[in-house]
Structure formats: C-alpha cells, structure tokens
N, C-alpha and C. Protein backbone atom coordinates (compact mmCIF):
# COMPACT_ATOMS: atom_id res chain seq x y z
N UNK A 1 1.02 -12.74 -6.29
CA UNK A 1 1.38 -11.85 -7.71
C UNK A 1 1.70 -10.85 -7.63
N UNK A 2 2.51 -10.39 -8.60
CA UNK A 2 3.55 -8.90 -8.39
C UNK A 2 1.84 -7.44 -8.75
N UNK A 3 2.49 -7.14 -7.99
CA UNK A 3 1.39 -5.52 -7.42
C UNK A 3 2.26 -4.10 -7.29
N UNK A 4 2.51 -3.53 -8.54
CA UNK A 4 3.47 -2.46 -8.24
C UNK A 4 2.20 -1.10 -8.73
N UNK A 5 1.76 -0.95 -7.20
CA UNK A 5 0.81 -0.28 -7.54
C UNK A 5 0.95 0.13 -5.68
N UNK A 6 -0.19 1.39 -5.82
CA UNK A 6 0.29 1.31 -4.27
C UNK A 6 -1.41 0.95 -3.80
N UNK A 7 -1.81 1.49 -3.02
CA UNK A 7 -3.04 0.51 -2.85
C UNK A 7 -4.41 1.43 -3.58
N UNK A 8 -4.71 0.17 -4.02
CA UNK A 8 -5.93 0.67 -4.85
C UNK A 8 -6.90 0.72 -3.75
N UNK A 9 -8.48 2.35 -4.54
CA UNK A 9 -8.72 2.45 -3.38
C UNK A 9 -10.42 2.01 -4.02
N UNK A 10 -11.37 2.60 -3.55
CA UNK A 10 -13.00 2.25 -4.34
C UNK A 10 -13.48 1.38 -3.55
N UNK A 11 -14.96 -0.12 -4.45
CA UNK A 11 -15.15 -0.99 -4.38
C UNK A 11 -14.37 -1.25 -5.88
N UNK A 12 -14.29 -2.54 -5.69
CA UNK A 12 -13.91 -3.23 -6.24
C UNK A 12 -14.09 -4.91 -6.78
N UNK A 13 -14.02 -4.87 -8.45
CA UNK A 13 -14.85 -6.14 -8.75
C UNK A 13 -13.67 -7.14 -8.99
N UNK A 14 -14.04 -8.25 -8.29
CA UNK A 14 -13.51 -10.01 -8.33
C UNK A 14 -13.17 -10.24 -9.79
N UNK A 15 -11.92 -10.04 -10.13
CA UNK A 15 -11.08 -10.21 -10.85
C UNK A 15 -10.18 -11.80 -11.34
N UNK A 16 -10.84 -12.37 -12.42
CA UNK A 16 -9.88 -13.59 -12.83
C UNK A 16 -8.44 -13.45 -12.80
N UNK A 17 -8.33 -14.65 -12.27
CA UNK A 17 -6.59 -15.34 -11.67
C UNK A 17 -5.89 -14.49 -13.57
N UNK A 18 -6.87 -15.11 -15.17
CA UNK A 18 -5.76 -14.76 -16.09
C UNK A 18 -6.07 -13.84 -16.46
N UNK A 19 -6.73 -12.50 -16.30
CA UNK A 19 -7.18 -11.10 -15.90
C UNK A 19 -6.02 -10.48 -15.04
N UNK A 20 -5.50 -10.93 -13.63
CA UNK A 20 -4.89 -10.35 -13.39
C UNK A 20 -3.09 -10.81 -13.66
N UNK A 21 -3.09 -12.02 -14.06
CA UNK A 21 -1.75 -12.43 -15.17
C UNK A 21 -1.12 -11.65 -15.95
N UNK A 22 -2.66 -10.81 -16.95
CA UNK A 22 -2.11 -10.28 -18.05
C UNK A 22 -1.87 -8.52 -17.01
N UNK A 23 -2.54 -8.56 -16.43
CA UNK A 23 -2.45 -6.80 -15.74
C UNK A 23 -1.05 -7.04 -15.20
N UNK A 24 -0.76 -8.38 -14.25
CA UNK A 24 1.03 -8.61 -13.84
C UNK A 24 2.51 -7.85 -15.11
N UNK A 25 2.07 -9.04 -15.75
CA UNK A 25 3.24 -9.44 -17.78
C UNK A 25 2.93 -7.21 -17.36
N UNK A 26 1.83 -6.74 -17.78
CA UNK A 26 2.21 -5.59 -18.41
C UNK A 26 3.25 -4.62 -17.54
N UNK A 27 1.96 -4.34 -15.73
CA UNK A 27 2.79 -3.72 -15.12
C UNK A 27 4.57 -3.90 -14.95
N UNK A 28 4.70 -5.38 -14.97
CA UNK A 28 6.44 -5.99 -15.80
C UNK A 28 6.91 -4.81 -16.50
N UNK A 29 5.94 -4.82 -18.02
CA UNK A 29 6.25 -4.49 -19.45
C UNK A 29 7.28 -2.74 -18.97
N UNK A 30 6.14 -1.73 -18.13
CA UNK A 30 5.64 -0.94 -17.77
C UNK A 30 7.57 -0.59 -17.34
N UNK A 31 7.15 -0.30 -15.88
CA UNK A 31 8.28 -0.65 -14.89
C UNK A 31 9.78 -0.97 -15.21
N UNK A 32 10.17 -2.31 -17.13
CA UNK A 32 11.19 -2.32 -16.90
C UNK A 32 11.32 -1.15 -18.80
N UNK A 33 10.63 -0.70 -18.52
CA UNK A 33 10.22 0.69 -20.48
C UNK A 33 10.86 1.49 -19.10
N UNK A 34 10.00 1.79 -18.42
CA UNK A 34 11.23 3.71 -17.59
C UNK A 34 12.05 3.46 -16.92
N UNK A 35 12.19 1.56 -16.55
CA UNK A 35 13.74 2.03 -16.41
C UNK A 35 15.10 2.07 -17.30
N UNK A 36 14.49 1.67 -18.98
CA UNK A 36 15.42 2.04 -20.10
C UNK A 36 15.37 3.30 -19.96
N UNK A 37 14.00 4.16 -20.31
CA UNK A 37 14.22 5.09 -20.90
C UNK A 37 14.78 6.76 -19.71
N UNK A 38 14.23 6.06 -18.71
CA UNK A 38 15.38 6.98 -17.70
C UNK A 38 16.13 6.29 -17.45
N UNK A 39 16.85 5.58 -18.21
CA UNK A 39 18.84 5.05 -17.36
C UNK A 39 18.69 4.35 -15.75
N UNK A 40 17.48 4.15 -15.21
CA UNK A 40 17.75 3.95 -14.12
C UNK A 40 17.94 2.36 -13.89
N UNK A 41 19.71 1.95 -13.56
CA UNK A 41 20.18 0.18 -13.56
C UNK A 41 19.47 0.33 -12.65
N UNK A 42 19.05 0.78 -10.64
CA UNK A 42 18.48 -0.13 -10.40
C UNK A 42 16.97 0.06 -10.36
N UNK A 43 16.06 -1.09 -9.53
CA UNK A 43 14.37 -0.77 -9.20
C UNK A 43 14.53 0.13 -7.48
N UNK A 44 15.80 0.45 -6.48
CA UNK A 44 15.38 1.27 -5.49
C UNK A 44 16.19 2.08 -5.74
N UNK A 45 16.65 2.74 -7.37
CA UNK A 45 16.28 3.77 -7.55
C UNK A 45 14.85 4.95 -8.17
N UNK A 46 14.81 4.56 -8.21
CA UNK A 46 13.14 4.75 -8.66
C UNK A 46 12.22 5.59 -7.58
N UNK A 47 12.15 6.40 -8.00
CA UNK A 47 10.66 7.08 -6.83
C UNK A 47 9.86 6.21 -6.55
N UNK A 48 9.34 6.96 -5.22
CA UNK A 48 8.02 6.55 -4.50
C UNK A 48 7.00 7.10 -5.44
N UNK A 49 7.12 8.01 -5.88
CA UNK A 49 5.61 9.01 -6.49
C UNK A 49 5.41 8.20 -7.63
N UNK A 50 6.22 7.16 -9.00
CA UNK A 50 5.95 6.55 -9.85
C UNK A 50 4.54 5.51 -9.46
N UNK A 51 5.27 5.17 -7.96
CA UNK A 51 4.09 3.26 -7.85
C UNK A 51 2.97 4.37 -6.38
N UNK A 52 2.94 5.99 -6.73
CA UNK A 52 1.89 6.07 -5.66
C UNK A 52 0.55 6.87 -6.36
N UNK A 53 -0.74 6.80 -6.17
CA UNK A 53 -1.43 7.82 -6.94
C UNK A 53 -2.83 8.21 -6.60
N UNK A 54 -3.32 7.08 -6.66
CA UNK A 54 -4.48 6.69 -5.78
C UNK A 54 -4.87 7.33 -5.18
N UNK A 55 -6.13 7.78 -5.00
CA UNK A 55 -6.51 7.95 -3.70
C UNK A 55 -5.95 7.02 -1.84
N UNK A 56 -6.02 7.71 -0.80
CA UNK A 56 -6.20 6.97 -0.41
C UNK A 56 -7.56 6.56 0.82
N UNK A 57 -7.44 5.29 1.35
CA UNK A 57 -8.71 5.28 1.34
C UNK A 57 -8.64 5.17 2.77
N UNK A 58 -9.97 5.45 4.10
CA UNK A 58 -10.53 6.08 4.55
C UNK A 58 -11.60 5.81 5.41
N UNK A 59 -11.01 5.68 7.14
CA UNK A 59 -11.99 5.78 7.42
C UNK A 59 -13.34 6.59 8.25
N UNK A 60 -14.43 6.77 8.77
CA UNK A 60 -14.47 7.62 9.53
C UNK A 60 -13.69 7.80 11.18
N UNK A 61 -13.51 8.80 12.07
CA UNK A 61 -13.03 8.82 13.12
C UNK A 61 -13.41 7.64 14.27
N UNK A 62 -14.88 7.63 14.21
CA UNK A 62 -16.05 6.89 15.24
C UNK A 62 -16.29 5.81 15.26
N UNK A 63 -15.18 5.18 13.66
CA UNK A 63 -15.70 3.53 13.80
C UNK A 63 -15.29 2.39 13.94
N UNK A 64 -15.83 1.28 14.21
CA UNK A 64 -15.40 0.05 14.79
C UNK A 64 -14.56 -0.57 14.55
N UNK A 65 -13.79 -1.50 14.89
CA UNK A 65 -12.96 -2.17 13.99
C UNK A 65 -13.29 -3.01 12.75
N UNK A 66 -15.26 -3.76 13.40
CA UNK A 66 -16.68 -3.91 12.80
C UNK A 66 -15.96 -3.34 11.04
N UNK A 67 -15.90 -2.06 11.20
CA UNK A 67 -16.26 -1.58 9.56
C UNK A 67 -15.34 -0.97 8.92
N UNK A 68 -13.29 -1.55 9.87
CA UNK A 68 -12.26 -1.13 9.52
C UNK A 68 -12.02 -2.20 8.49
N UNK A 69 -12.57 -3.20 9.35
CA UNK A 69 -12.08 -4.82 8.48
C UNK A 69 -13.24 -4.96 6.85
N UNK A 70 -14.12 -4.59 7.09
CA UNK A 70 -15.39 -4.28 5.99
C UNK A 70 -14.89 -3.44 4.70
N UNK A 71 -13.95 -2.10 5.07
CA UNK A 71 -13.58 -0.56 4.45
C UNK A 71 -12.16 -1.79 3.50
N UNK A 72 -11.49 -2.61 4.60
CA UNK A 72 -10.05 -3.43 3.72
C UNK A 72 -10.18 -3.76 3.17
N UNK A 73 -12.22 -4.95 2.91
CA UNK A 73 -11.76 -5.66 2.02
C UNK A 73 -12.53 -5.13 0.71
N UNK A 74 -13.29 -4.73 1.30
CA UNK A 74 -14.02 -3.81 0.08
C UNK A 74 -13.23 -2.67 -0.96
N UNK A 75 -11.68 -2.87 -0.45
CA UNK A 75 -10.98 -1.44 -1.04
C UNK A 75 -9.73 -2.50 -1.95
N UNK A 76 -9.57 -3.70 -0.86
CA UNK A 76 -9.32 -4.81 -1.52
C UNK A 76 -7.83 -3.67 -0.99
N UNK A 77 -7.58 -2.84 -0.04
CA UNK A 77 -6.29 -2.56 1.40
C UNK A 77 -5.83 -3.84 2.16
N UNK A 78 -4.39 -3.34 2.28
CA UNK A 78 -4.57 -4.02 3.75
C UNK A 78 -3.85 -2.66 5.12
N UNK A 79 -4.47 -1.24 4.52
CA UNK A 79 -4.95 -0.76 5.37
C UNK A 79 -5.11 0.73 5.34
N UNK A 80 -5.70 1.27 6.61
CA UNK A 80 -7.10 2.99 5.76
C UNK A 80 -6.26 4.00 6.93
N UNK A 81 -6.07 4.36 6.52
CA UNK A 81 -6.09 5.68 7.83
C UNK A 81 -7.43 5.78 8.10
N UNK A 82 -7.62 6.72 9.74
CA UNK A 82 -8.66 6.76 10.10
C UNK A 82 -8.83 8.55 10.66
N UNK A 83 -10.08 8.84 9.46
CA UNK A 83 -10.18 10.04 10.21
C UNK A 83 -10.23 10.94 8.34
N UNK A 84 -10.37 12.24 8.59
CA UNK A 84 -10.26 13.07 6.91
C UNK A 84 -9.10 13.93 6.89
N UNK A 85 -8.02 13.96 8.22
CA UNK A 85 -7.16 15.40 7.82
C UNK A 85 -6.64 14.82 7.05
N UNK A 86 -6.15 16.69 6.37
CA UNK A 86 -4.35 16.03 5.38
C UNK A 86 -3.49 15.07 5.35
N UNK A 87 -3.01 15.18 6.71
CA UNK A 87 -2.64 14.50 7.23
C UNK A 87 -2.61 13.80 9.12
N UNK A 88 -3.09 12.89 8.30
CA UNK A 88 -3.55 11.32 9.35
C UNK A 88 -2.88 11.79 10.27
N UNK A 89 -3.11 10.91 12.01
CA UNK A 89 -2.57 10.59 13.24
C UNK A 89 -3.17 9.54 13.26
N UNK A 90 -3.76 8.65 12.27
CA UNK A 90 -3.75 6.70 12.92
C UNK A 90 -3.93 6.02 11.70
N UNK A 91 -3.29 4.62 11.38
CA UNK A 91 -3.90 4.03 10.29
C UNK A 91 -4.18 2.82 11.64
N UNK A 92 -4.67 2.26 10.56
CA UNK A 92 -5.22 1.21 10.83
C UNK A 92 -5.36 -0.04 10.04
N UNK A 93 -4.29 -1.83 10.24
CA UNK A 93 -4.14 -2.39 9.03
C UNK A 93 -4.62 -3.67 9.57
N UNK A 94 -4.54 -4.44 8.86
CA UNK A 94 -5.07 -5.77 8.19
C UNK A 94 -4.52 -6.22 9.78
N UNK A 95 -3.28 -6.66 10.05
CA UNK A 95 -3.18 -7.38 12.02
C UNK A 95 -3.50 -6.68 12.37
N UNK A 96 -3.27 -5.02 12.92
CA UNK A 96 -4.65 -4.43 14.20
C UNK A 96 -6.06 -5.67 14.22
N UNK A 97 -6.48 -5.93 13.24
CA UNK A 97 -7.72 -5.90 13.17
C UNK A 97 -7.72 -7.47 13.59
N UNK A 98 -6.90 -8.41 13.25
CA UNK A 98 -6.57 -10.27 13.01
C UNK A 98 -6.48 -9.59 14.51
N UNK A 99 -5.50 -8.74 15.80
CA UNK A 99 -5.20 -8.61 16.50
C UNK A 99 -6.82 -9.41 17.48
N UNK A 100 -6.89 -8.05 17.18
CA UNK A 100 -8.59 -7.64 17.92
C UNK A 100 -9.46 -9.33 18.25
N UNK A 101 -9.78 -9.99 16.96
CA UNK A 101 -10.01 -10.82 17.11
C UNK A 101 -9.50 -12.00 17.95
N UNK A 102 -8.35 -12.06 17.62
CA UNK A 102 -7.57 -12.80 18.34
C UNK A 102 -7.76 -13.13 19.72
N UNK A 103 -7.82 -11.58 20.08
CA UNK A 103 -8.28 -11.79 21.55
C UNK A 103 -9.25 -11.67 22.39
N UNK A 104 -10.17 -12.05 21.25
CA UNK A 104 -11.42 -12.78 21.61
C UNK A 104 -12.83 -11.11 21.80
N UNK A 105 -12.26 -10.10 21.84
CA UNK A 105 -13.22 -9.09 21.41
C UNK A 105 -14.05 -8.85 20.44
N UNK A 106 -14.99 -8.26 20.61
CA UNK A 106 -16.17 -8.13 19.25
C UNK A 106 -15.63 -6.84 18.42
N UNK A 107 -15.31 -6.97 17.74
CA UNK A 107 -15.09 -6.31 16.39
C UNK A 107 -15.75 -4.76 16.44
N UNK A 108 -17.47 -5.10 16.10
CA UNK A 108 -18.11 -4.01 16.10
C UNK A 108 -18.85 -3.80 17.48
N UNK A 109 -17.11 -3.55 18.58
CA UNK A 109 -17.61 -3.22 20.51
C UNK A 109 -16.16 -2.43 20.19
N UNK A 110 -15.37 -2.53 19.38
CA UNK A 110 -14.03 -1.42 19.51
C UNK A 110 -13.74 -0.80 18.74
N UNK A 111 -13.78 0.47 19.25
CA UNK A 111 -13.77 1.48 18.81
C UNK A 111 -12.24 1.18 16.94
N UNK A 112 -12.49 2.06 16.30
CA UNK A 112 -11.00 1.87 15.58
C UNK A 112 -9.60 2.21 16.02
N UNK A 113 -9.73 3.18 16.50
CA UNK A 113 -9.26 4.43 17.86
C UNK A 113 -8.21 4.03 18.31
N UNK A 114 -9.18 2.84 19.64
CA UNK A 114 -8.19 2.34 20.50
C UNK A 114 -7.18 1.99 19.71
N UNK A 115 -7.41 0.61 18.49
CA UNK A 115 -6.04 -0.12 18.33
C UNK A 115 -5.49 0.37 16.66
N UNK A 116 -5.52 1.44 16.55
CA UNK A 116 -5.05 2.34 15.69
C UNK A 116 -3.63 2.79 16.02
N UNK A 117 -2.76 2.57 14.38
CA UNK A 117 -1.44 3.49 14.81
C UNK A 117 -0.95 4.73 15.29
N UNK A 118 -0.72 5.36 15.88
CA UNK A 118 -0.39 6.82 16.32
C UNK A 118 1.30 6.89 15.45
N UNK A 119 2.12 6.18 15.89
CA UNK A 119 2.80 6.01 15.58
C UNK A 119 3.29 5.89 13.80
N UNK A 120 3.24 6.67 13.04
CA UNK A 120 2.68 7.22 11.84
C UNK A 120 4.58 6.93 11.23
N UNK A 121 4.98 6.15 10.18
CA UNK A 121 6.25 6.56 9.75
C UNK A 121 6.34 6.57 7.94
N UNK A 122 6.81 8.08 7.70
CA UNK A 122 6.17 8.99 6.29
C UNK A 122 7.28 9.31 6.08
N UNK A 123 7.52 9.12 4.17
CA UNK A 123 8.77 9.79 3.52
C UNK A 123 7.67 10.44 2.52
N UNK A 124 8.53 10.89 2.07
CA UNK A 124 8.59 12.01 1.12
C UNK A 124 8.30 11.21 -0.84
N UNK A 125 7.56 11.92 -1.62
CA UNK A 125 7.05 11.55 -2.76
C UNK A 125 8.26 11.38 -3.44
N UNK A 126 9.03 11.56 -3.66
CA UNK A 126 10.12 11.38 -4.00
C UNK A 126 11.41 10.86 -3.61
N UNK A 127 10.90 10.25 -2.62
CA UNK A 127 12.07 9.36 -1.67
C UNK A 127 12.48 8.05 -2.69
N UNK A 128 12.80 7.39 -2.97
CA UNK A 128 13.74 6.16 -3.69
C UNK A 128 13.01 4.73 -3.20
N UNK A 129 11.95 4.33 -3.64
CA UNK A 129 11.53 1.86 -3.25
C UNK A 129 13.13 2.01 -2.31
N UNK A 130 14.44 2.59 -2.24
CA UNK A 130 15.32 1.72 -1.98
C UNK A 130 14.79 2.21 -0.52
N UNK A 131 15.25 3.90 0.11
CA UNK A 131 14.83 5.00 0.95
C UNK A 131 13.41 3.87 1.66
N UNK A 132 12.36 3.60 1.34
CA UNK A 132 11.41 3.87 1.63
C UNK A 132 11.58 2.41 2.58
N UNK A 133 12.04 0.92 2.13
CA UNK A 133 12.30 0.01 1.90
C UNK A 133 13.36 -0.52 3.74
N UNK A 134 14.55 0.48 3.46
CA UNK A 134 15.45 0.45 4.39
C UNK A 134 14.32 1.57 5.98
N UNK A 135 13.63 2.27 5.05
CA UNK A 135 12.64 3.35 6.44
C UNK A 135 12.01 1.67 7.31
N UNK A 136 11.09 1.00 6.29
CA UNK A 136 10.24 -0.02 7.09
C UNK A 136 11.12 -1.18 7.53
N UNK A 137 11.94 -1.50 6.81
CA UNK A 137 13.26 -2.03 7.62
C UNK A 137 13.66 -1.95 9.29
N UNK A 138 14.03 -0.41 9.80
CA UNK A 138 14.23 -0.10 10.81
C UNK A 138 13.63 0.23 11.50
N UNK A 139 12.13 0.24 10.78
CA UNK A 139 10.99 0.75 12.00
C UNK A 139 10.06 -0.72 12.60
N UNK A 140 10.48 -1.47 11.21
CA UNK A 140 9.44 -3.01 11.85
C UNK A 140 9.11 -2.57 11.78
N UNK A 141 7.86 -2.08 9.78
CA UNK A 141 6.46 -1.83 9.63
C UNK A 141 6.45 -2.39 8.29
N UNK A 142 5.24 -2.05 7.61
CA UNK A 142 4.75 -2.52 6.59
C UNK A 142 3.79 -1.98 5.91
N UNK A 143 3.72 -0.80 6.69
CA UNK A 143 2.86 0.51 5.16
C UNK A 143 4.17 1.77 5.80
N UNK A 144 4.38 2.14 4.67
CA UNK A 144 4.70 4.44 5.29
C UNK A 144 3.65 5.00 4.28
N UNK A 145 3.66 5.82 5.04
CA UNK A 145 2.91 6.83 4.48
C UNK A 145 3.67 8.51 3.50
N UNK A 146 2.85 8.75 2.22
CA UNK A 146 3.46 9.35 1.49
C UNK A 146 3.09 10.54 2.18
N UNK A 147 4.21 11.52 1.62
CA UNK A 147 3.83 13.29 1.59
C UNK A 147 4.09 13.61 0.84
N UNK A 148 3.16 14.65 0.02
CA UNK A 148 3.67 15.65 -1.56
C UNK A 148 2.84 16.27 -0.98
N UNK A 149 3.71 18.22 -0.83
CA UNK A 149 3.11 19.62 -0.87
C UNK A 149 2.38 19.91 0.69
N UNK A 150 2.77 19.06 2.30
CA UNK A 150 2.36 19.21 2.55
C UNK A 150 0.74 18.29 3.27
N UNK A 151 0.42 17.16 2.27
CA UNK A 151 -0.40 16.48 2.09
C UNK A 151 0.45 15.19 1.69
N UNK A 152 -1.31 14.38 2.40
CA UNK A 152 -1.28 12.48 2.42
C UNK A 152 -1.36 12.85 0.93
N UNK A 153 -0.02 11.81 -0.17
CA UNK A 153 -0.14 11.20 -1.52
C UNK A 153 -0.78 9.82 -1.24
N UNK A 154 -0.48 9.54 -0.98
CA UNK A 154 -0.45 7.40 -0.71
C UNK A 154 -0.04 6.78 0.26
N UNK A 155 -0.25 5.69 0.18
CA UNK A 155 0.40 4.68 1.63
C UNK A 155 1.37 3.86 0.58
N UNK A 156 2.17 3.41 0.74
CA UNK A 156 2.91 2.09 0.33
C UNK A 156 3.25 0.73 0.70
N UNK A 157 3.62 -0.20 0.53
CA UNK A 157 3.15 -1.24 1.37
C UNK A 157 4.37 -1.90 0.78
N UNK A 158 4.67 -3.02 2.03
CA UNK A 158 5.70 -3.72 1.64
C UNK A 158 5.61 -4.39 0.11
N UNK A 159 4.33 -4.73 0.21
CA UNK A 159 3.80 -5.39 -1.07
C UNK A 159 4.55 -4.75 -2.83
N UNK A 160 4.03 -3.30 -2.24
CA UNK A 160 4.21 -2.89 -3.73
C UNK A 160 6.26 -2.44 -4.07
N UNK A 161 6.59 -2.45 -2.45
CA UNK A 161 8.29 -2.89 -2.61
C UNK A 161 8.67 -4.29 -3.78
N UNK A 162 7.71 -4.85 -2.82
CA UNK A 162 8.51 -6.00 -3.56
C UNK A 162 7.76 -6.77 -4.64
N UNK A 163 6.59 -5.85 -5.43
CA UNK A 163 6.15 -5.79 -6.25
C UNK A 163 7.33 -5.40 -7.39
N UNK A 164 7.70 -3.73 -7.13
CA UNK A 164 8.91 -3.13 -8.18
C UNK A 164 9.46 -3.95 -8.11
N UNK A 165 10.18 -4.24 -7.36
CA UNK A 165 11.80 -5.21 -7.47
C UNK A 165 11.39 -6.54 -8.50
N UNK A 166 10.39 -7.13 -7.97
CA UNK A 166 10.09 -8.83 -8.24
C UNK A 166 10.17 -8.19 -9.92
N UNK A 167 9.17 -6.62 -10.06
CA UNK A 167 8.47 -6.88 -12.17
C UNK A 167 9.87 -6.27 -12.81
N UNK A 168 10.75 -5.04 -12.35
CA UNK A 168 12.02 -4.35 -12.27
C UNK A 168 13.03 -5.79 -12.69
N UNK A 169 12.87 -7.14 -12.08
CA UNK A 169 13.81 -7.63 -12.41
C UNK A 169 13.22 -8.76 -13.41
N UNK A 170 12.68 -9.04 -14.00
CA UNK A 170 11.29 -9.70 -14.79
C UNK A 170 12.04 -9.30 -16.23
N UNK A 171 12.04 -10.85 -17.20
CA UNK A 171 11.89 -10.60 -18.46
C UNK A 171 9.91 -9.88 -19.18
N UNK A 172 10.13 -8.87 -19.45
CA UNK A 172 8.37 -8.63 -20.01
C UNK A 172 8.03 -9.56 -20.79
N UNK A 173 8.96 -10.12 -21.40
CA UNK A 173 7.94 -11.24 -22.87
C UNK A 173 7.86 -12.46 -21.40
N UNK A 174 8.22 -12.20 -20.60
CA UNK A 174 7.65 -14.04 -19.93
C UNK A 174 6.32 -13.74 -19.80
N UNK A 175 6.67 -14.65 -19.62
CA UNK A 175 4.30 -15.63 -19.66
C UNK A 175 4.57 -16.49 -18.34
N UNK A 176 4.48 -16.20 -17.19
CA UNK A 176 4.59 -16.83 -16.30
C UNK A 176 4.87 -15.45 -15.38
N UNK A 177 3.45 -15.57 -14.49
CA UNK A 177 3.85 -14.23 -13.12
C UNK A 177 4.24 -14.47 -11.60
C-alpha cells in the first residue's frame, strides 16, 4: 500500500482494503497533479512540508514499552515521541519495542526512556524528499523529525518517502494499488 502521509495520529478505525485502494489512487492523483502544476520534474524535489502536517503521536515520559506498543497500534504509526517538549529529546520505534520482546523482557516493566533513541535526526520542513532520503541513508535510520519555526512539525518515515516516489511515478488512472 502506498502512503503519501506522515503518520496519522489519534484513533483509527479499521479500513477495508477496497477503501485503502481508492485512497491510494486519490493520493497518487494529487501528487501527480502537484508535480504538473508546480513544474516539479522529480519526486525528490518535493518539499517535505507537503507530506507532513498531522500532529505527532506522543507518549508520557514515564510510559513503559507496553504503553508505547499500545500507542503505536492505536495511532497506526511506526514511531512515537517521548514527552511533551516542543523539541523532543527521545523517540521510540516499533523496532525498539521488538528488541525488548526479543530480549525476553517484560514490556510493562521496561521504561520507554530506557530504549528510546536520543540521537535524533532532524530536517527542516522545506527540505526536499531527496535530501531527507539521503539523510536517512547516511544515518541508516527510518524516521526523521521535521522542524518548522523551532518546533516539531511532524515525523517522516522511509515508508512515507517510498510512497511519494511510488505515487509520483504512477499513472493516476491506474486501477492497481
């Protein structure tokens, strides 16, 4: 499934595959139209700000890894910020949760801050898709925090970028997703 979004926040209802396909087609149409209207000849030239905008999923600083897992599922996201600071200092991803489980630890007994990544990688909201993709590759990471006017504006994932590249090159009249 192609996703040209940063992470959707808040509770999500189960979505039928047919509806996901319709939404995917619409996203492709919008991205192709943006390229045509703006004259952008490459998906790598698209500004990250065009695919961010939803509020960022957060978890309290005293949360456990079990709390993080529940929040990741509830928000249908792959990473979550720890704490309420405008410029957060920690992020927990799905992989961090899996490492706790794989180590045989009880997720309900492990503080999220114990497994959270504190070496966060940021980009400016006006960075291009290509710049952010290169930053991910340089740091071998899957999530980059997006900053606008000194505050966290969103999180962009490798899946989000893949969705842009996939959708941009797709024929908007194509029936397959």
